């Protein structure tokens, strides 16, 4: 038995005081696991559920996406100059469950890795079919973006590495 153990056995309240510090100490010494978001942006995996992209030429106006949406975030609207009704998505209520993408028979909807949805006015979170066809350029949305990073796993932790400058 070491001197420290004998001392802690003699004064048990010290053991109660120092035990939380001993539990936390290994994590304090680890490197950070976060990304400096406005200047660095992670590269998401292929199946990430970000903002939707819509393809007019594939859509057959079957209303499947609106029917399977559990949050009722999708409504079909008419678009000037086109025949049929097309999906309009309300991102205030969308849970990104993926049913609309999964059940679309012609693959007219797909997910992108675009996650920047910050708006001051809530009405701007309702995206028309025209808005869903175009995915904005990251440099317009995040002018301070300097590099893209990618996550990878080591034996003990998740780390990030620089992939490309923007």
N, C-alpha and C. Protein backbone atom coordinates (compact mmCIF):
# COMPACT_ATOMS: atom_id res chain seq x y z
N UNK A 1 0.85 -1.17 0.00
CA UNK A 1 0.00 0.00 0.00
C UNK A 1 0.89 1.24 0.00
N UNK A 2 0.60 2.16 -0.90
CA UNK A 2 1.44 3.36 -1.00
C UNK A 2 1.09 4.35 0.10
N UNK A 3 1.92 5.33 0.19
CA UNK A 3 1.72 6.37 1.20
C UNK A 3 0.44 7.13 0.92
N UNK A 4 0.18 7.38 -0.35
CA UNK A 4 -1.03 8.11 -0.73
C UNK A 4 -2.29 7.33 -0.35
N UNK A 5 -2.28 6.02 -0.59
CA UNK A 5 -3.44 5.20 -0.23
C UNK A 5 -3.68 5.18 1.27
N UNK A 6 -2.59 5.09 2.04
CA UNK A 6 -2.75 5.10 3.50
C UNK A 6 -3.29 6.44 3.97
N UNK A 7 -2.83 7.51 3.35
CA UNK A 7 -3.29 8.85 3.73
C UNK A 7 -4.77 9.02 3.40
N UNK A 8 -5.16 8.53 2.19
CA UNK A 8 -6.56 8.65 1.79
C UNK A 8 -7.47 7.76 2.62
N UNK A 9 -6.96 6.61 3.07
CA UNK A 9 -7.77 5.74 3.94
C UNK A 9 -7.97 6.38 5.31
N UNK A 10 -6.99 7.12 5.74
CA UNK A 10 -7.08 7.76 7.05
C UNK A 10 -8.07 8.94 7.00
N UNK A 11 -8.08 9.65 5.88
CA UNK A 11 -8.98 10.80 5.72
C UNK A 11 -9.87 10.56 4.49
N UNK A 12 -10.98 9.82 4.65
CA UNK A 12 -11.81 9.42 3.50
C UNK A 12 -12.47 10.59 2.76
N UNK A 13 -12.66 11.71 3.42
CA UNK A 13 -13.31 12.83 2.74
C UNK A 13 -12.42 13.38 1.63
N UNK A 14 -11.08 13.23 1.73
CA UNK A 14 -10.19 13.65 0.65
C UNK A 14 -10.42 12.81 -0.61
N UNK A 15 -10.72 11.54 -0.40
CA UNK A 15 -10.98 10.65 -1.53
C UNK A 15 -12.22 11.12 -2.29
N UNK A 16 -13.23 11.54 -1.54
CA UNK A 16 -14.45 12.04 -2.16
C UNK A 16 -14.21 13.35 -2.91
N UNK A 17 -13.29 14.14 -2.41
CA UNK A 17 -13.00 15.43 -3.05
C UNK A 17 -12.19 15.22 -4.33
N UNK A 18 -11.19 14.36 -4.30
CA UNK A 18 -10.28 14.22 -5.44
C UNK A 18 -10.74 13.23 -6.51
N UNK A 19 -11.70 12.38 -6.21
CA UNK A 19 -12.14 11.39 -7.18
C UNK A 19 -12.69 12.02 -8.47
N UNK A 20 -13.53 13.05 -8.40
CA UNK A 20 -13.99 13.68 -9.65
C UNK A 20 -12.84 14.25 -10.49
N UNK A 21 -11.83 14.79 -9.84
CA UNK A 21 -10.69 15.33 -10.58
C UNK A 21 -9.94 14.22 -11.30
N UNK A 22 -9.82 13.07 -10.67
CA UNK A 22 -9.12 11.95 -11.29
C UNK A 22 -9.91 11.38 -12.47
N UNK A 23 -11.22 11.48 -12.41
CA UNK A 23 -12.04 11.01 -13.52
C UNK A 23 -11.93 11.96 -14.72
N UNK A 24 -11.88 13.25 -14.46
CA UNK A 24 -11.88 14.26 -15.52
C UNK A 24 -10.49 14.47 -16.12
N UNK A 25 -9.44 14.23 -15.36
CA UNK A 25 -8.07 14.55 -15.78
C UNK A 25 -7.68 14.01 -17.16
N UNK A 26 -7.97 12.76 -17.52
CA UNK A 26 -7.57 12.30 -18.86
C UNK A 26 -8.24 13.07 -20.00
N UNK A 27 -9.46 13.54 -19.78
CA UNK A 27 -10.17 14.26 -20.83
C UNK A 27 -9.67 15.69 -20.97
N UNK A 28 -9.15 16.26 -19.92
CA UNK A 28 -8.60 17.61 -19.98
C UNK A 28 -7.36 17.63 -20.86
N UNK A 29 -6.61 16.56 -20.85
CA UNK A 29 -5.38 16.50 -21.61
C UNK A 29 -5.59 16.14 -23.08
N UNK A 30 -6.79 15.73 -23.48
CA UNK A 30 -7.07 15.37 -24.87
C UNK A 30 -7.12 16.63 -25.74
N UNK A 31 -6.88 16.43 -27.03
CA UNK A 31 -6.98 17.55 -27.96
C UNK A 31 -8.45 17.84 -28.24
N UNK A 32 -8.73 19.04 -28.73
CA UNK A 32 -10.10 19.45 -29.01
C UNK A 32 -10.74 18.65 -30.12
N UNK A 33 -12.05 18.49 -30.06
CA UNK A 33 -12.77 17.69 -31.04
C UNK A 33 -13.74 18.53 -31.85
N UNK A 34 -13.64 19.83 -31.72
CA UNK A 34 -14.58 20.69 -32.43
C UNK A 34 -13.92 21.33 -33.64
N UNK A 35 -14.74 21.87 -34.50
CA UNK A 35 -14.27 22.57 -35.68
C UNK A 35 -14.62 24.04 -35.51
N UNK A 36 -13.72 24.93 -35.87
CA UNK A 36 -13.99 26.37 -35.80
C UNK A 36 -14.94 26.71 -36.94
N UNK A 37 -16.25 26.61 -36.70
CA UNK A 37 -17.25 26.54 -37.76
C UNK A 37 -17.23 27.66 -38.79
N UNK A 38 -17.27 28.90 -38.45
CA UNK A 38 -17.38 29.84 -39.58
C UNK A 38 -16.19 29.80 -40.54
N UNK A 39 -15.01 29.48 -40.03
CA UNK A 39 -13.85 29.43 -40.92
C UNK A 39 -13.57 28.03 -41.43
N UNK A 40 -13.95 27.01 -40.68
CA UNK A 40 -13.80 25.62 -41.11
C UNK A 40 -15.17 24.98 -41.18
N UNK A 41 -15.37 24.15 -42.17
CA UNK A 41 -16.64 23.45 -42.29
C UNK A 41 -16.36 21.99 -42.56
N UNK A 42 -16.97 21.09 -41.79
CA UNK A 42 -16.70 19.66 -42.01
C UNK A 42 -17.30 19.17 -43.33
N UNK A 43 -16.67 18.17 -43.90
CA UNK A 43 -17.23 17.50 -45.06
C UNK A 43 -18.11 16.36 -44.52
N UNK A 44 -19.36 16.38 -44.88
CA UNK A 44 -20.30 15.40 -44.36
C UNK A 44 -20.26 14.14 -45.22
N UNK A 45 -20.70 13.03 -44.65
CA UNK A 45 -20.70 11.77 -45.40
C UNK A 45 -21.80 11.80 -46.47
N UNK A 46 -21.76 10.82 -47.34
CA UNK A 46 -22.64 10.82 -48.51
C UNK A 46 -24.13 10.76 -48.16
N UNK A 47 -24.47 10.12 -47.07
CA UNK A 47 -25.88 9.95 -46.72
C UNK A 47 -26.36 11.00 -45.72
N UNK A 48 -25.66 12.10 -45.60
CA UNK A 48 -26.04 13.17 -44.67
C UNK A 48 -27.35 13.80 -45.14
N UNK A 49 -28.20 14.16 -44.20
CA UNK A 49 -29.50 14.73 -44.53
C UNK A 49 -29.48 16.23 -44.30
N UNK A 50 -29.11 16.96 -45.33
CA UNK A 50 -29.12 18.42 -45.29
C UNK A 50 -30.33 18.92 -46.06
N UNK A 51 -30.20 20.11 -46.63
CA UNK A 51 -31.29 20.69 -47.40
C UNK A 51 -31.60 19.85 -48.63
N UNK A 52 -32.84 19.86 -49.06
CA UNK A 52 -33.26 19.07 -50.22
C UNK A 52 -32.86 19.75 -51.53
N UNK A 53 -32.64 18.95 -52.54
CA UNK A 53 -32.49 19.43 -53.91
C UNK A 53 -33.61 18.79 -54.72
N UNK A 54 -34.26 19.61 -55.53
CA UNK A 54 -35.41 19.16 -56.31
C UNK A 54 -35.10 19.23 -57.80
N UNK A 55 -35.57 18.22 -58.54
CA UNK A 55 -35.38 18.16 -59.99
C UNK A 55 -36.76 18.21 -60.66
N UNK A 56 -37.03 19.31 -61.37
CA UNK A 56 -38.32 19.47 -62.05
C UNK A 56 -38.54 18.38 -63.10
N UNK A 57 -37.50 18.06 -63.86
CA UNK A 57 -37.68 17.13 -64.98
C UNK A 57 -38.00 15.71 -64.53
N UNK A 58 -37.67 15.36 -63.30
CA UNK A 58 -37.96 14.01 -62.80
C UNK A 58 -39.33 13.90 -62.13
N UNK A 59 -39.85 15.01 -61.63
CA UNK A 59 -41.09 14.99 -60.84
C UNK A 59 -42.30 14.71 -61.73
N UNK A 60 -43.17 13.81 -61.24
CA UNK A 60 -44.40 13.46 -61.97
C UNK A 60 -45.65 13.94 -61.22
N UNK A 61 -45.47 14.80 -60.22
CA UNK A 61 -46.57 15.39 -59.44
C UNK A 61 -47.48 14.33 -58.84
N UNK A 62 -46.90 13.29 -58.27
CA UNK A 62 -47.69 12.18 -57.74
C UNK A 62 -48.15 12.41 -56.29
N UNK A 63 -47.61 13.41 -55.62
CA UNK A 63 -48.00 13.77 -54.26
C UNK A 63 -47.51 12.77 -53.21
N UNK A 64 -46.64 11.85 -53.56
CA UNK A 64 -46.15 10.86 -52.60
C UNK A 64 -45.34 11.53 -51.50
N UNK A 65 -44.50 12.49 -51.85
CA UNK A 65 -43.65 13.15 -50.86
C UNK A 65 -44.50 13.84 -49.79
N UNK A 66 -45.57 14.50 -50.19
CA UNK A 66 -46.43 15.19 -49.22
C UNK A 66 -47.22 14.21 -48.37
N UNK A 67 -47.63 13.08 -48.95
CA UNK A 67 -48.41 12.10 -48.20
C UNK A 67 -47.59 11.38 -47.14
N UNK A 68 -46.32 11.09 -47.43
CA UNK A 68 -45.51 10.32 -46.48
C UNK A 68 -44.83 11.20 -45.43
N UNK A 69 -44.85 12.51 -45.60
CA UNK A 69 -44.18 13.41 -44.65
C UNK A 69 -44.90 13.38 -43.30
N UNK A 70 -44.23 12.89 -42.23
CA UNK A 70 -44.90 12.80 -40.93
C UNK A 70 -45.16 14.16 -40.29
N UNK A 71 -44.42 15.16 -40.68
CA UNK A 71 -44.57 16.50 -40.09
C UNK A 71 -45.47 17.41 -40.92
N UNK A 72 -45.94 16.91 -42.04
CA UNK A 72 -46.76 17.70 -42.97
C UNK A 72 -46.03 18.98 -43.39
N UNK A 73 -44.74 18.85 -43.66
CA UNK A 73 -43.92 19.99 -44.05
C UNK A 73 -43.95 20.24 -45.55
N UNK A 74 -44.47 19.31 -46.32
CA UNK A 74 -44.46 19.43 -47.78
C UNK A 74 -45.88 19.66 -48.27
N UNK A 75 -46.03 20.71 -49.05
CA UNK A 75 -47.29 20.97 -49.74
C UNK A 75 -46.97 21.10 -51.22
N UNK A 76 -47.93 20.74 -52.05
CA UNK A 76 -47.72 20.86 -53.49
C UNK A 76 -48.31 22.17 -53.98
N UNK A 77 -47.52 22.90 -54.75
CA UNK A 77 -47.95 24.19 -55.28
C UNK A 77 -47.77 24.20 -56.79
N UNK A 78 -48.54 25.05 -57.44
CA UNK A 78 -48.40 25.20 -58.88
C UNK A 78 -47.27 26.17 -59.17
N UNK A 79 -46.54 25.90 -60.23
CA UNK A 79 -45.43 26.75 -60.64
C UNK A 79 -45.77 27.34 -61.99
N UNK A 80 -45.59 28.64 -62.11
CA UNK A 80 -45.92 29.33 -63.35
C UNK A 80 -45.06 28.81 -64.50
N UNK A 81 -45.71 28.46 -65.59
CA UNK A 81 -44.99 27.98 -66.77
C UNK A 81 -44.75 26.48 -66.79
N UNK A 82 -45.25 25.77 -65.78
CA UNK A 82 -45.06 24.31 -65.73
C UNK A 82 -46.40 23.64 -65.43
N UNK A 83 -46.57 22.45 -65.96
CA UNK A 83 -47.78 21.68 -65.72
C UNK A 83 -47.63 20.85 -64.46
N UNK A 84 -48.67 20.78 -63.66
CA UNK A 84 -48.65 19.95 -62.45
C UNK A 84 -48.31 20.76 -61.21
N UNK A 85 -48.27 20.05 -60.10
CA UNK A 85 -47.94 20.68 -58.82
C UNK A 85 -46.62 20.10 -58.32
N UNK A 86 -45.85 20.94 -57.63
CA UNK A 86 -44.51 20.55 -57.21
C UNK A 86 -44.32 20.86 -55.72
N UNK A 87 -43.41 20.16 -55.06
CA UNK A 87 -43.28 20.29 -53.60
C UNK A 87 -42.68 21.62 -53.14
N UNK A 88 -43.30 22.13 -52.10
CA UNK A 88 -42.79 23.30 -51.38
C UNK A 88 -42.52 22.81 -49.95
N UNK A 89 -41.32 23.04 -49.43
CA UNK A 89 -40.95 22.46 -48.13
C UNK A 89 -40.82 23.56 -47.09
N UNK A 90 -41.47 23.34 -45.95
CA UNK A 90 -41.39 24.26 -44.82
C UNK A 90 -40.35 23.72 -43.84
N UNK A 91 -39.18 24.33 -43.79
CA UNK A 91 -38.10 23.84 -42.94
C UNK A 91 -38.27 24.20 -41.46
N UNK A 92 -39.32 24.95 -41.12
CA UNK A 92 -39.61 25.18 -39.70
C UNK A 92 -40.07 23.90 -39.03
N UNK A 93 -40.75 23.06 -39.79
CA UNK A 93 -41.31 21.84 -39.20
C UNK A 93 -40.66 20.56 -39.71
N UNK A 94 -39.83 20.64 -40.73
CA UNK A 94 -39.21 19.44 -41.31
C UNK A 94 -38.26 18.80 -40.31
N UNK A 95 -38.37 17.49 -40.15
CA UNK A 95 -37.49 16.75 -39.23
C UNK A 95 -36.37 16.02 -39.96
N UNK A 96 -36.27 16.19 -41.27
CA UNK A 96 -35.24 15.55 -42.10
C UNK A 96 -35.25 14.03 -41.92
N UNK A 97 -36.44 13.47 -41.87
CA UNK A 97 -36.57 12.02 -41.68
C UNK A 97 -36.16 11.25 -42.94
N UNK A 98 -36.32 11.86 -44.10
CA UNK A 98 -35.91 11.22 -45.34
C UNK A 98 -36.99 10.43 -46.05
N UNK A 99 -38.20 10.42 -45.53
CA UNK A 99 -39.27 9.67 -46.18
C UNK A 99 -39.56 10.22 -47.58
N UNK A 100 -39.56 11.53 -47.72
CA UNK A 100 -39.87 12.12 -49.02
C UNK A 100 -38.85 11.70 -50.07
N UNK A 101 -37.59 11.64 -49.69
CA UNK A 101 -36.53 11.22 -50.61
C UNK A 101 -36.63 9.73 -50.89
N UNK A 102 -36.89 8.96 -49.86
CA UNK A 102 -36.91 7.50 -49.99
C UNK A 102 -38.09 7.00 -50.82
N UNK A 103 -39.26 7.62 -50.66
CA UNK A 103 -40.46 7.13 -51.32
C UNK A 103 -40.73 7.75 -52.69
N UNK A 104 -39.95 8.74 -53.09
CA UNK A 104 -40.17 9.37 -54.40
C UNK A 104 -39.87 8.36 -55.50
N UNK A 105 -40.87 8.03 -56.34
CA UNK A 105 -40.66 6.98 -57.35
C UNK A 105 -39.68 7.37 -58.45
N UNK A 106 -39.49 8.64 -58.70
CA UNK A 106 -38.61 9.10 -59.78
C UNK A 106 -37.35 9.79 -59.26
N UNK A 107 -37.11 9.73 -57.95
CA UNK A 107 -35.92 10.35 -57.34
C UNK A 107 -35.82 11.84 -57.65
N UNK A 108 -36.95 12.53 -57.56
CA UNK A 108 -36.97 13.97 -57.83
C UNK A 108 -36.44 14.79 -56.66
N UNK A 109 -36.39 14.20 -55.48
CA UNK A 109 -35.84 14.88 -54.30
C UNK A 109 -34.61 14.13 -53.82
N UNK A 110 -33.61 14.88 -53.40
CA UNK A 110 -32.43 14.26 -52.78
C UNK A 110 -31.88 15.23 -51.74
N UNK A 111 -31.08 14.69 -50.83
CA UNK A 111 -30.48 15.52 -49.79
C UNK A 111 -29.13 16.06 -50.25
N UNK A 112 -28.78 17.24 -49.76
CA UNK A 112 -27.45 17.81 -50.00
C UNK A 112 -26.75 17.94 -48.65
N UNK A 113 -25.54 18.44 -48.65
CA UNK A 113 -24.83 18.66 -47.38
C UNK A 113 -24.93 20.11 -46.92
N UNK A 114 -25.89 20.83 -47.45
CA UNK A 114 -26.07 22.24 -47.10
C UNK A 114 -26.91 22.34 -45.82
N UNK A 115 -26.36 22.94 -44.77
CA UNK A 115 -27.05 22.99 -43.47
C UNK A 115 -27.24 24.41 -42.95
N UNK A 116 -26.83 25.39 -43.70
CA UNK A 116 -26.91 26.77 -43.23
C UNK A 116 -28.32 27.32 -43.45
N UNK A 117 -29.14 27.27 -42.42
CA UNK A 117 -30.55 27.67 -42.51
C UNK A 117 -30.87 28.90 -41.69
N UNK A 118 -29.91 29.64 -41.23
CA UNK A 118 -30.21 30.74 -40.31
C UNK A 118 -30.94 31.87 -41.05
N UNK A 119 -32.10 32.20 -40.54
CA UNK A 119 -32.92 33.27 -41.09
C UNK A 119 -33.51 34.07 -39.94
N UNK A 120 -33.72 35.34 -40.17
CA UNK A 120 -34.35 36.19 -39.16
C UNK A 120 -35.87 36.08 -39.28
N UNK A 121 -36.35 36.01 -40.50
CA UNK A 121 -37.78 35.93 -40.77
C UNK A 121 -38.17 34.47 -41.01
N UNK A 122 -39.12 33.96 -40.26
CA UNK A 122 -39.52 32.55 -40.38
C UNK A 122 -40.13 32.22 -41.74
N UNK A 123 -40.74 33.18 -42.37
CA UNK A 123 -41.36 32.90 -43.66
C UNK A 123 -40.32 32.57 -44.73
N UNK A 124 -39.07 32.93 -44.51
CA UNK A 124 -38.01 32.60 -45.47
C UNK A 124 -37.58 31.14 -45.37
N UNK A 125 -38.07 30.42 -44.38
CA UNK A 125 -37.75 29.00 -44.24
C UNK A 125 -38.70 28.10 -45.03
N UNK A 126 -39.64 28.71 -45.73
CA UNK A 126 -40.52 27.96 -46.63
C UNK A 126 -39.91 28.09 -48.03
N UNK A 127 -39.41 26.98 -48.56
CA UNK A 127 -38.70 26.98 -49.83
C UNK A 127 -39.62 26.54 -50.96
N UNK A 128 -39.71 27.37 -51.98
CA UNK A 128 -40.52 27.05 -53.16
C UNK A 128 -39.77 26.03 -54.02
N UNK A 129 -40.46 25.41 -54.98
CA UNK A 129 -39.77 24.46 -55.85
C UNK A 129 -38.58 25.09 -56.60
N UNK A 130 -38.72 26.35 -56.99
CA UNK A 130 -37.61 27.02 -57.68
C UNK A 130 -36.39 27.16 -56.77
N UNK A 131 -36.64 27.48 -55.49
CA UNK A 131 -35.52 27.62 -54.54
C UNK A 131 -34.86 26.28 -54.26
N UNK A 132 -35.64 25.21 -54.31
CA UNK A 132 -35.09 23.88 -54.04
C UNK A 132 -34.24 23.35 -55.19
N UNK A 133 -34.41 23.90 -56.39
CA UNK A 133 -33.62 23.41 -57.52
C UNK A 133 -32.18 23.90 -57.47
N UNK A 134 -31.94 25.02 -56.84
CA UNK A 134 -30.58 25.56 -56.79
C UNK A 134 -30.00 25.43 -55.39
N UNK A 135 -28.79 24.92 -55.31
CA UNK A 135 -28.08 24.83 -54.04
C UNK A 135 -27.11 26.00 -54.00
N UNK A 136 -27.21 26.86 -52.99
CA UNK A 136 -26.37 28.05 -52.96
C UNK A 136 -24.88 27.73 -52.84
N UNK A 137 -24.07 28.64 -53.32
CA UNK A 137 -22.63 28.51 -53.21
C UNK A 137 -22.22 28.79 -51.77
N UNK A 138 -21.33 27.98 -51.24
CA UNK A 138 -20.90 28.15 -49.85
C UNK A 138 -20.20 29.48 -49.62
N UNK A 139 -19.49 29.99 -50.61
CA UNK A 139 -18.77 31.26 -50.45
C UNK A 139 -19.73 32.43 -50.29
N UNK A 140 -20.94 32.32 -50.84
CA UNK A 140 -21.93 33.37 -50.67
C UNK A 140 -22.53 33.33 -49.27
N UNK A 141 -22.78 32.14 -48.77
CA UNK A 141 -23.42 31.98 -47.47
C UNK A 141 -22.43 32.16 -46.34
N UNK A 142 -21.23 31.59 -46.49
CA UNK A 142 -20.18 31.69 -45.48
C UNK A 142 -18.96 32.38 -46.09
N UNK A 143 -18.96 33.71 -46.17
CA UNK A 143 -17.81 34.38 -46.80
C UNK A 143 -16.52 34.21 -46.01
N UNK A 144 -16.63 33.85 -44.74
CA UNK A 144 -15.42 33.68 -43.92
C UNK A 144 -14.83 32.28 -44.00
N UNK A 145 -15.44 31.40 -44.79
CA UNK A 145 -14.98 30.01 -44.90
C UNK A 145 -13.61 29.96 -45.57
N UNK A 146 -12.66 29.32 -44.90
CA UNK A 146 -11.30 29.24 -45.42
C UNK A 146 -10.91 27.82 -45.82
N UNK A 147 -11.44 26.82 -45.15
CA UNK A 147 -11.04 25.44 -45.48
C UNK A 147 -12.14 24.45 -45.11
N UNK A 148 -12.06 23.29 -45.74
CA UNK A 148 -12.96 22.19 -45.45
C UNK A 148 -12.18 21.14 -44.68
N UNK A 149 -12.82 20.52 -43.72
CA UNK A 149 -12.15 19.49 -42.92
C UNK A 149 -12.93 18.20 -42.99
N UNK A 150 -12.24 17.11 -42.72
CA UNK A 150 -12.86 15.79 -42.77
C UNK A 150 -12.62 15.08 -41.45
N UNK A 151 -13.65 14.39 -40.96
CA UNK A 151 -13.52 13.64 -39.71
C UNK A 151 -12.93 12.28 -39.99
N UNK A 152 -12.09 11.80 -39.08
CA UNK A 152 -11.60 10.43 -39.16
C UNK A 152 -11.40 9.90 -37.76
N UNK A 153 -11.43 8.59 -37.63
CA UNK A 153 -11.35 7.94 -36.33
C UNK A 153 -9.95 7.40 -36.08
N UNK A 154 -9.48 7.56 -34.85
CA UNK A 154 -8.27 6.89 -34.41
C UNK A 154 -8.70 5.84 -33.39
N UNK A 155 -7.76 5.21 -32.73
CA UNK A 155 -8.12 4.19 -31.75
C UNK A 155 -8.91 4.76 -30.59
N UNK A 156 -8.61 6.00 -30.19
CA UNK A 156 -9.22 6.54 -28.98
C UNK A 156 -10.16 7.71 -29.21
N UNK A 157 -10.03 8.41 -30.34
CA UNK A 157 -10.82 9.63 -30.48
C UNK A 157 -11.13 9.93 -31.94
N UNK A 158 -11.98 10.93 -32.12
CA UNK A 158 -12.31 11.43 -33.45
C UNK A 158 -11.44 12.65 -33.70
N UNK A 159 -10.81 12.71 -34.86
CA UNK A 159 -9.97 13.85 -35.19
C UNK A 159 -10.43 14.45 -36.52
N UNK A 160 -9.97 15.66 -36.78
CA UNK A 160 -10.27 16.35 -38.03
C UNK A 160 -8.98 16.63 -38.77
N UNK A 161 -9.04 16.55 -40.09
CA UNK A 161 -7.88 16.92 -40.89
C UNK A 161 -8.32 17.85 -42.01
N UNK A 162 -7.43 18.73 -42.39
CA UNK A 162 -7.72 19.69 -43.44
C UNK A 162 -7.76 18.95 -44.78
N UNK A 163 -8.80 19.19 -45.55
CA UNK A 163 -8.92 18.53 -46.84
C UNK A 163 -8.57 19.49 -47.97
N UNK A 164 -9.16 20.67 -47.94
CA UNK A 164 -8.90 21.62 -49.01
C UNK A 164 -9.14 23.04 -48.56
N UNK A 165 -8.45 23.95 -49.20
CA UNK A 165 -8.72 25.37 -48.99
C UNK A 165 -9.86 25.75 -49.92
N UNK A 166 -10.64 26.71 -49.48
CA UNK A 166 -11.78 27.15 -50.30
C UNK A 166 -11.44 28.46 -50.96
